[in-house]
Amino acid sequence: MVSDYRTEIFQKVSVCGIPCDFSDMRIDRNTVPEGRYQYEVADDDESQGYPSRVRQGIMVNFFGTLISDVSLPIGHDDVLWLYDGDFE
């Protein structure tokens, strides 16, 4: 199921010190306002409920969606790997 950004209820989180809106649902990209950045978060490979990586799209171990006003520091491999304290 994909949710509409305009009707979804978000939690405020910080990713690498950057304020973001977070939802545990997939958000329809067509509903996100222009100028905002959308990313998806993956759970760790053991499915323990710990966010482990951020990308433009996540197929396996989907954990949630992030929306931010600025781009996140995605690495050369198109992934932002999350470590202790990166996702609060």
PDB file of N, CA and C in Angstrom:
ATOM      1  N   MET A   1       0.838  -1.173   0.000  1.00  0.00           N
ATOM      2  CA  MET A   1       0.000   0.000   0.000  1.00  0.00           C
ATOM      3  C   MET A   1       0.892   1.249   0.000  1.00  0.00           C
ATOM      4  N   VAL A   2       0.501   2.242  -0.731  1.00  0.00           N
ATOM      5  CA  VAL A   2       1.216   3.506  -0.818  1.00  0.00           C
ATOM      6  C   VAL A   2       0.307   4.604  -0.272  1.00  0.00           C
ATOM      7  N   SER A   3       0.871   5.464   0.578  1.00  0.00           N
ATOM      8  CA  SER A   3       0.089   6.531   1.201  1.00  0.00           C
ATOM      9  C   SER A   3       0.322   7.869   0.507  1.00  0.00           C
ATOM     10  N   ASP A   4      -0.615   8.766   0.705  1.00  0.00           N
ATOM     11  CA  ASP A   4      -0.554  10.116   0.174  1.00  0.00           C
ATOM     12  C   ASP A   4       0.162  11.008   1.191  1.00  0.00           C
ATOM     13  N   TYR A   5       1.186  11.723   0.751  1.00  0.00           N
ATOM     14  CA  TYR A   5       1.939  12.618   1.627  1.00  0.00           C
ATOM     15  C   TYR A   5       1.011  13.600   2.344  1.00  0.00           C
ATOM     16  N   ARG A   6       0.021  14.111   1.637  1.00  0.00           N
ATOM     17  CA  ARG A   6      -0.851  15.158   2.174  1.00  0.00           C
ATOM     18  C   ARG A   6      -1.737  14.677   3.312  1.00  0.00           C
ATOM     19  N   THR A   7      -1.957  13.368   3.434  1.00  0.00           N
ATOM     20  CA  THR A   7      -2.828  12.857   4.481  1.00  0.00           C
ATOM     21  C   THR A   7      -2.096  11.994   5.516  1.00  0.00           C
ATOM     22  N   GLU A   8      -0.830  11.692   5.269  1.00  0.00           N
ATOM     23  CA  GLU A   8      -0.059  10.847   6.177  1.00  0.00           C
ATOM     24  C   GLU A   8       0.343  11.627   7.425  1.00  0.00           C
ATOM     25  N   ILE A   9       0.398  10.951   8.554  1.00  0.00           N
ATOM     26  CA  ILE A   9       0.863  11.539   9.807  1.00  0.00           C
ATOM     27  C   ILE A   9       2.324  11.125   9.984  1.00  0.00           C
ATOM     28  N   PHE A  10       3.206  12.117  10.137  1.00  0.00           N
ATOM     29  CA  PHE A  10       4.638  11.870  10.223  1.00  0.00           C
ATOM     30  C   PHE A  10       5.158  12.081  11.636  1.00  0.00           C
ATOM     31  N   GLN A  11       6.253  11.377  11.944  1.00  0.00           N
ATOM     32  CA  GLN A  11       7.018  11.612  13.160  1.00  0.00           C
ATOM     33  C   GLN A  11       8.199  12.493  12.776  1.00  0.00           C
ATOM     34  N   LYS A  12       8.646  13.324  13.684  1.00  0.00           N
ATOM     35  CA  LYS A  12       9.845  14.131  13.478  1.00  0.00           C
ATOM     36  C   LYS A  12      11.042  13.298  13.929  1.00  0.00           C
ATOM     37  N   VAL A  13      12.017  13.146  13.038  1.00  0.00           N
ATOM     38  CA  VAL A  13      13.242  12.428  13.352  1.00  0.00           C
ATOM     39  C   VAL A  13      14.428  13.259  12.873  1.00  0.00           C
ATOM     40  N   SER A  14      15.609  12.826  13.269  1.00  0.00           N
ATOM     41  CA  SER A  14      16.848  13.440  12.819  1.00  0.00           C
ATOM     42  C   SER A  14      17.700  12.341  12.201  1.00  0.00           C
ATOM     43  N   VAL A  15      18.188  12.580  10.985  1.00  0.00           N
ATOM     44  CA  VAL A  15      19.056  11.620  10.311  1.00  0.00           C
ATOM     45  C   VAL A  15      20.379  12.326  10.030  1.00  0.00           C
ATOM     46  N   CYS A  16      21.429  11.873  10.694  1.00  0.00           N
ATOM     47  CA  CYS A  16      22.753  12.512  10.577  1.00  0.00           C
ATOM     48  C   CYS A  16      22.656  14.003  10.872  1.00  0.00           C
ATOM     49  N   GLY A  17      21.808  14.362  11.845  1.00  0.00           N
ATOM     50  CA  GLY A  17      21.645  15.743  12.251  1.00  0.00           C
ATOM     51  C   GLY A  17      20.696  16.563  11.394  1.00  0.00           C
ATOM     52  N   ILE A  18      20.094  15.945  10.379  1.00  0.00           N
ATOM     53  CA  ILE A  18      19.184  16.653   9.472  1.00  0.00           C
ATOM     54  C   ILE A  18      17.738  16.343   9.868  1.00  0.00           C
ATOM     55  N   PRO A  19      16.920  17.361  10.156  1.00  0.00           N
ATOM     56  CA  PRO A  19      15.520  17.116  10.504  1.00  0.00           C
ATOM     57  C   PRO A  19      14.761  16.508   9.321  1.00  0.00           C
ATOM     58  N   CYS A  20      13.974  15.478   9.614  1.00  0.00           N
ATOM     59  CA  CYS A  20      13.191  14.793   8.580  1.00  0.00           C
ATOM     60  C   CYS A  20      11.824  14.435   9.137  1.00  0.00           C
ATOM     61  N   ASP A  21      10.872  14.272   8.226  1.00  0.00           N
ATOM     62  CA  ASP A  21       9.582  13.676   8.561  1.00  0.00           C
ATOM     63  C   ASP A  21       9.706  12.190   8.257  1.00  0.00           C
ATOM     64  N   PHE A  22       9.179  11.338   9.146  1.00  0.00           N
ATOM     65  CA  PHE A  22       9.283   9.892   8.977  1.00  0.00           C
ATOM     66  C   PHE A  22       7.907   9.249   9.059  1.00  0.00           C
ATOM     67  N   SER A  23       7.666   8.302   8.168  1.00  0.00           N
ATOM     68  CA  SER A  23       6.459   7.465   8.208  1.00  0.00           C
ATOM     69  C   SER A  23       6.888   6.024   7.969  1.00  0.00           C
ATOM     70  N   ASP A  24       6.198   5.091   8.609  1.00  0.00           N
ATOM     71  CA  ASP A  24       6.511   3.681   8.370  1.00  0.00           C
ATOM     72  C   ASP A  24       5.787   3.152   7.124  1.00  0.00           C
ATOM     73  N   MET A  25       5.162   4.041   6.376  1.00  0.00           N
ATOM     74  CA  MET A  25       4.469   3.678   5.142  1.00  0.00           C
ATOM     75  C   MET A  25       5.283   4.127   3.929  1.00  0.00           C
ATOM     76  N   ARG A  26       5.028   3.496   2.782  1.00  0.00           N
ATOM     77  CA  ARG A  26       5.572   3.993   1.520  1.00  0.00           C
ATOM     78  C   ARG A  26       4.707   5.181   1.106  1.00  0.00           C
ATOM     79  N   ILE A  27       5.365   6.241   0.649  1.00  0.00           N
ATOM     80  CA  ILE A  27       4.658   7.459   0.269  1.00  0.00           C
ATOM     81  C   ILE A  27       4.712   7.606  -1.249  1.00  0.00           C
ATOM     82  N   ASP A  28       3.575   7.899  -1.848  1.00  0.00           N
ATOM     83  CA  ASP A  28       3.489   8.129  -3.287  1.00  0.00           C
ATOM     84  C   ASP A  28       4.311   9.364  -3.640  1.00  0.00           C
ATOM     85  N   ARG A  29       5.347   9.182  -4.454  1.00  0.00           N
ATOM     86  CA  ARG A  29       6.244  10.287  -4.825  1.00  0.00           C
ATOM     87  C   ARG A  29       5.500  11.437  -5.497  1.00  0.00           C
ATOM     88  N   ASN A  30       4.430  11.142  -6.188  1.00  0.00           N
ATOM     89  CA  ASN A  30       3.663  12.183  -6.885  1.00  0.00           C
ATOM     90  C   ASN A  30       2.925  13.113  -5.936  1.00  0.00           C
ATOM     91  N   THR A  31       2.837  12.753  -4.652  1.00  0.00           N
ATOM     92  CA  THR A  31       2.118  13.585  -3.690  1.00  0.00           C
ATOM     93  C   THR A  31       3.052  14.431  -2.831  1.00  0.00           C
ATOM     94  N   VAL A  32       4.368  14.218  -2.960  1.00  0.00           N
ATOM     95  CA  VAL A  32       5.357  14.969  -2.173  1.00  0.00           C
ATOM     96  C   VAL A  32       5.587  16.330  -2.838  1.00  0.00           C
ATOM     97  N   PRO A  33       5.526  17.422  -2.068  1.00  0.00           N
ATOM     98  CA  PRO A  33       5.706  18.750  -2.656  1.00  0.00           C
ATOM     99  C   PRO A  33       7.060  18.911  -3.350  1.00  0.00           C
ATOM    100  N   GLU A  34       7.062  19.671  -4.415  1.00  0.00           N
ATOM    101  CA  GLU A  34       8.287  19.970  -5.140  1.00  0.00           C
ATOM    102  C   GLU A  34       9.260  20.675  -4.196  1.00  0.00           C
ATOM    103  N   GLY A  35      10.515  20.321  -4.294  1.00  0.00           N
ATOM    104  CA  GLY A  35      11.531  20.923  -3.450  1.00  0.00           C
ATOM    105  C   GLY A  35      11.835  20.147  -2.187  1.00  0.00           C
ATOM    106  N   ARG A  36      11.058  19.121  -1.900  1.00  0.00           N
ATOM    107  CA  ARG A  36      11.328  18.258  -0.751  1.00  0.00           C
ATOM    108  C   ARG A  36      11.985  16.988  -1.260  1.00  0.00           C
ATOM    109  N   TYR A  37      12.818  16.381  -0.444  1.00  0.00           N
ATOM    110  CA  TYR A  37      13.556  15.172  -0.806  1.00  0.00           C
ATOM    111  C   TYR A  37      12.904  13.960  -0.148  1.00  0.00           C
ATOM    112  N   GLN A  38      12.756  12.898  -0.926  1.00  0.00           N
ATOM    113  CA  GLN A  38      12.136  11.676  -0.416  1.00  0.00           C
ATOM    114  C   GLN A  38      13.130  10.530  -0.488  1.00  0.00           C
ATOM    115  N   TYR A  39      13.224   9.790   0.611  1.00  0.00           N
ATOM    116  CA  TYR A  39      14.099   8.626   0.709  1.00  0.00           C
ATOM    117  C   TYR A  39      13.341   7.502   1.392  1.00  0.00           C
ATOM    118  N   GLU A  40      13.837   6.291   1.224  1.00  0.00           N
ATOM    119  CA  GLU A  40      13.280   5.150   1.947  1.00  0.00           C
ATOM    120  C   GLU A  40      14.367   4.545   2.818  1.00  0.00           C
ATOM    121  N   VAL A  41      13.931   3.979   3.928  1.00  0.00           N
ATOM    122  CA  VAL A  41      14.827   3.417   4.932  1.00  0.00           C
ATOM    123  C   VAL A  41      14.634   1.909   4.967  1.00  0.00           C
ATOM    124  N   ALA A  42      15.754   1.186   5.105  1.00  0.00           N
ATOM    125  CA  ALA A  42      15.701  -0.273   5.228  1.00  0.00           C
ATOM    126  C   ALA A  42      16.027  -0.679   6.655  1.00  0.00           C
ATOM    127  N   ASP A  43      15.353  -1.723   7.096  1.00  0.00           N
ATOM    128  CA  ASP A  43      15.615  -2.380   8.367  1.00  0.00           C
ATOM    129  C   ASP A  43      16.934  -3.145   8.247  1.00  0.00           C
ATOM    130  N   ASP A  44      17.534  -3.498   9.368  1.00  0.00           N
ATOM    131  CA  ASP A  44      18.741  -4.325   9.323  1.00  0.00           C
ATOM    132  C   ASP A  44      18.402  -5.701   8.753  1.00  0.00           C
ATOM    133  N   ASP A  45      19.379  -6.417   8.286  1.00  0.00           N
ATOM    134  CA  ASP A  45      19.149  -7.693   7.607  1.00  0.00           C
ATOM    135  C   ASP A  45      18.559  -8.771   8.515  1.00  0.00           C
ATOM    136  N   GLU A  46      18.675  -8.608   9.825  1.00  0.00           N
ATOM    137  CA  GLU A  46      18.085  -9.568  10.759  1.00  0.00           C
ATOM    138  C   GLU A  46      16.657  -9.184  11.147  1.00  0.00           C
ATOM    139  N   SER A  47      16.149  -8.091  10.576  1.00  0.00           N
ATOM    140  CA  SER A  47      14.793  -7.591  10.849  1.00  0.00           C
ATOM    141  C   SER A  47      14.551  -7.385  12.341  1.00  0.00           C
ATOM    142  N   GLN A  48      15.499  -6.743  12.985  1.00  0.00           N
ATOM    143  CA  GLN A  48      15.410  -6.472  14.419  1.00  0.00           C
ATOM    144  C   GLN A  48      14.732  -5.142  14.729  1.00  0.00           C
ATOM    145  N   GLY A  49      14.344  -4.394  13.679  1.00  0.00           N
ATOM    146  CA  GLY A  49      13.680  -3.121  13.898  1.00  0.00           C
ATOM    147  C   GLY A  49      14.627  -1.953  14.021  1.00  0.00           C
ATOM    148  N   TYR A  50      15.830  -2.082  13.457  1.00  0.00           N
ATOM    149  CA  TYR A  50      16.816  -1.008  13.489  1.00  0.00           C
ATOM    150  C   TYR A  50      17.059  -0.492  12.077  1.00  0.00           C
ATOM    151  N   PRO A  51      16.836   0.797  11.848  1.00  0.00           N
ATOM    152  CA  PRO A  51      17.122   1.331  10.511  1.00  0.00           C
ATOM    153  C   PRO A  51      18.615   1.207  10.223  1.00  0.00           C
ATOM    154  N   SER A  52      18.957   0.701   9.034  1.00  0.00           N
ATOM    155  CA  SER A  52      20.361   0.458   8.731  1.00  0.00           C
ATOM    156  C   SER A  52      20.881   1.224   7.518  1.00  0.00           C
ATOM    157  N   ARG A  53      19.989   1.564   6.569  1.00  0.00           N
ATOM    158  CA  ARG A  53      20.457   2.268   5.380  1.00  0.00           C
ATOM    159  C   ARG A  53      19.320   3.074   4.759  1.00  0.00           C
ATOM    160  N   VAL A  54      19.712   4.123   4.025  1.00  0.00           N
ATOM    161  CA  VAL A  54      18.767   5.022   3.356  1.00  0.00           C
ATOM    162  C   VAL A  54      19.141   5.068   1.885  1.00  0.00           C
ATOM    163  N   ARG A  55      18.129   4.993   1.023  1.00  0.00           N
ATOM    164  CA  ARG A  55      18.322   5.090  -0.432  1.00  0.00           C
ATOM    165  C   ARG A  55      17.115   5.806  -1.027  1.00  0.00           C
ATOM    166  N   GLN A  56      17.176   6.058  -2.320  1.00  0.00           N
ATOM    167  CA  GLN A  56      16.026   6.619  -3.028  1.00  0.00           C
ATOM    168  C   GLN A  56      14.867   5.621  -3.040  1.00  0.00           C
ATOM    169  N   GLY A  57      15.164   4.353  -3.112  1.00  0.00           N
ATOM    170  CA  GLY A  57      14.124   3.324  -3.093  1.00  0.00           C
ATOM    171  C   GLY A  57      14.640   2.069  -2.420  1.00  0.00           C
ATOM    172  N   ILE A  58      13.804   1.441  -1.621  1.00  0.00           N
ATOM    173  CA  ILE A  58      14.156   0.211  -0.901  1.00  0.00           C
ATOM    174  C   ILE A  58      13.152  -0.868  -1.297  1.00  0.00           C
ATOM    175  N   MET A  59      13.665  -1.990  -1.749  1.00  0.00           N
ATOM    176  CA  MET A  59      12.779  -3.104  -2.110  1.00  0.00           C
ATOM    177  C   MET A  59      12.686  -4.136  -0.984  1.00  0.00           C
ATOM    178  N   VAL A  60      13.804  -4.431  -0.326  1.00  0.00           N
ATOM    179  CA  VAL A  60      13.874  -5.483   0.685  1.00  0.00           C
ATOM    180  C   VAL A  60      14.077  -4.853   2.063  1.00  0.00           C
ATOM    181  N   ASN A  61      13.387  -5.364   3.057  1.00  0.00           N
ATOM    182  CA  ASN A  61      13.495  -4.906   4.444  1.00  0.00           C
ATOM    183  C   ASN A  61      13.026  -3.453   4.612  1.00  0.00           C
ATOM    184  N   PHE A  62      11.972  -3.065   3.909  1.00  0.00           N
ATOM    185  CA  PHE A  62      11.452  -1.699   4.009  1.00  0.00           C
ATOM    186  C   PHE A  62      11.109  -1.374   5.458  1.00  0.00           C
ATOM    187  N   PHE A  63      11.590  -0.203   5.924  1.00  0.00           N
ATOM    188  CA  PHE A  63      11.364   0.250   7.295  1.00  0.00           C
ATOM    189  C   PHE A  63      10.483   1.493   7.328  1.00  0.00           C
ATOM    190  N   GLY A  64      10.630   2.369   6.312  1.00  0.00           N
ATOM    191  CA  GLY A  64       9.827   3.581   6.291  1.00  0.00           C
ATOM    192  C   GLY A  64      10.312   4.574   5.254  1.00  0.00           C
ATOM    193  N   THR A  65       9.654   5.739   5.243  1.00  0.00           N
ATOM    194  CA  THR A  65       9.949   6.808   4.295  1.00  0.00           C
ATOM    195  C   THR A  65      10.385   8.058   5.047  1.00  0.00           C
ATOM    196  N   LEU A  66      11.405   8.729   4.520  1.00  0.00           N
ATOM    197  CA  LEU A  66      11.878  10.002   5.038  1.00  0.00           C
ATOM    198  C   LEU A  66      11.590  11.105   4.028  1.00  0.00           C
ATOM    199  N   ILE A  67      11.178  12.261   4.527  1.00  0.00           N
ATOM    200  CA  ILE A  67      10.995  13.448   3.702  1.00  0.00           C
ATOM    201  C   ILE A  67      11.792  14.560   4.386  1.00  0.00           C
ATOM    202  N   SER A  68      12.644  15.253   3.606  1.00  0.00           N
ATOM    203  CA  SER A  68      13.468  16.320   4.191  1.00  0.00           C
ATOM    204  C   SER A  68      13.479  17.547   3.288  1.00  0.00           C
ATOM    205  N   ASP A  69      13.895  18.665   3.874  1.00  0.00           N
ATOM    206  CA  ASP A  69      14.002  19.910   3.116  1.00  0.00           C
ATOM    207  C   ASP A  69      15.348  20.038   2.406  1.00  0.00           C
ATOM    208  N   VAL A  70      16.337  19.260   2.853  1.00  0.00           N
ATOM    209  CA  VAL A  70      17.671  19.257   2.238  1.00  0.00           C
ATOM    210  C   VAL A  70      18.051  17.811   1.928  1.00  0.00           C
ATOM    211  N   SER A  71      18.969  17.648   1.001  1.00  0.00           N
ATOM    212  CA  SER A  71      19.369  16.288   0.645  1.00  0.00           C
ATOM    213  C   SER A  71      20.202  15.668   1.762  1.00  0.00           C
ATOM    214  N   LEU A  72      20.076  14.369   1.906  1.00  0.00           N
ATOM    215  CA  LEU A  72      20.863  13.628   2.884  1.00  0.00           C
ATOM    216  C   LEU A  72      22.212  13.264   2.260  1.00  0.00           C
ATOM    217  N   PRO A  73      23.232  13.030   3.093  1.00  0.00           N
ATOM    218  CA  PRO A  73      24.570  12.730   2.566  1.00  0.00           C
ATOM    219  C   PRO A  73      24.688  11.289   2.040  1.00  0.00           C
ATOM    220  N   ILE A  74      24.066  11.049   0.910  1.00  0.00           N
ATOM    221  CA  ILE A  74      24.096   9.728   0.279  1.00  0.00           C
ATOM    222  C   ILE A  74      25.500   9.488  -0.270  1.00  0.00           C
ATOM    223  N   GLY A  75      26.042   8.275  -0.062  1.00  0.00           N
ATOM    224  CA  GLY A  75      27.398   7.954  -0.483  1.00  0.00           C
ATOM    225  C   GLY A  75      27.517   7.640  -1.964  1.00  0.00           C
ATOM    226  N   HIS A  76      28.726   7.327  -2.372  1.00  0.00           N
ATOM    227  CA  HIS A  76      29.030   7.009  -3.774  1.00  0.00           C
ATOM    228  C   HIS A  76      28.297   5.759  -4.254  1.00  0.00           C
ATOM    229  N   ASP A  77      27.939   4.894  -3.317  1.00  0.00           N
ATOM    230  CA  ASP A  77      27.202   3.676  -3.670  1.00  0.00           C
ATOM    231  C   ASP A  77      25.694   3.895  -3.635  1.00  0.00           C
ATOM    232  N   ASP A  78      25.260   5.161  -3.617  1.00  0.00           N
ATOM    233  CA  ASP A  78      23.840   5.552  -3.574  1.00  0.00           C
ATOM    234  C   ASP A  78      23.137   5.104  -2.297  1.00  0.00           C
ATOM    235  N   VAL A  79      23.922   4.922  -1.220  1.00  0.00           N
ATOM    236  CA  VAL A  79      23.381   4.485   0.064  1.00  0.00           C
ATOM    237  C   VAL A  79      23.938   5.380   1.167  1.00  0.00           C
ATOM    238  N   LEU A  80      23.093   5.700   2.134  1.00  0.00           N
ATOM    239  CA  LEU A  80      23.527   6.329   3.374  1.00  0.00           C
ATOM    240  C   LEU A  80      23.444   5.240   4.436  1.00  0.00           C
ATOM    241  N   TRP A  81      24.590   4.742   4.853  1.00  0.00           N
ATOM    242  CA  TRP A  81      24.634   3.708   5.891  1.00  0.00           C
ATOM    243  C   TRP A  81      24.438   4.369   7.241  1.00  0.00           C
ATOM    244  N   LEU A  82      23.563   3.806   8.069  1.00  0.00           N
ATOM    245  CA  LEU A  82      23.241   4.383   9.362  1.00  0.00           C
ATOM    246  C   LEU A  82      23.965   3.626  10.477  1.00  0.00           C
ATOM    247  N   TYR A  83      24.526   4.384  11.385  1.00  0.00           N
ATOM    248  CA  TYR A  83      25.238   3.828  12.552  1.00  0.00           C
ATOM    249  C   TYR A  83      24.598   4.392  13.812  1.00  0.00           C
ATOM    250  N   ASP A  84      25.046   3.928  14.969  1.00  0.00           N
ATOM    251  CA  ASP A  84      24.480   4.377  16.240  1.00  0.00           C
ATOM    252  C   ASP A  84      24.411   5.902  16.292  1.00  0.00           C
ATOM    253  N   GLY A  85      23.236   6.429  16.595  1.00  0.00           N
ATOM    254  CA  GLY A  85      23.040   7.859  16.733  1.00  0.00           C
ATOM    255  C   GLY A  85      22.710   8.605  15.448  1.00  0.00           C
ATOM    256  N   ASP A  86      22.777   7.918  14.294  1.00  0.00           N
ATOM    257  CA  ASP A  86      22.478   8.574  13.019  1.00  0.00           C
ATOM    258  C   ASP A  86      20.990   8.787  12.801  1.00  0.00           C
ATOM    259  N   PHE A  87      20.146   7.938  13.406  1.00  0.00           N
ATOM    260  CA  PHE A  87      18.686   7.996  13.215  1.00  0.00           C
ATOM    261  C   PHE A  87      18.054   8.150  14.586  1.00  0.00           C
ATOM    262  N   GLU A  88      17.586   9.347  14.876  1.00  0.00           N
ATOM    263  CA  GLU A  88      16.998   9.609  16.197  1.00  0.00           C
ATOM    264  C   GLU A  88      15.608  10.187  16.047  1.00  0.00           C
TER     265      GLU A  88
END
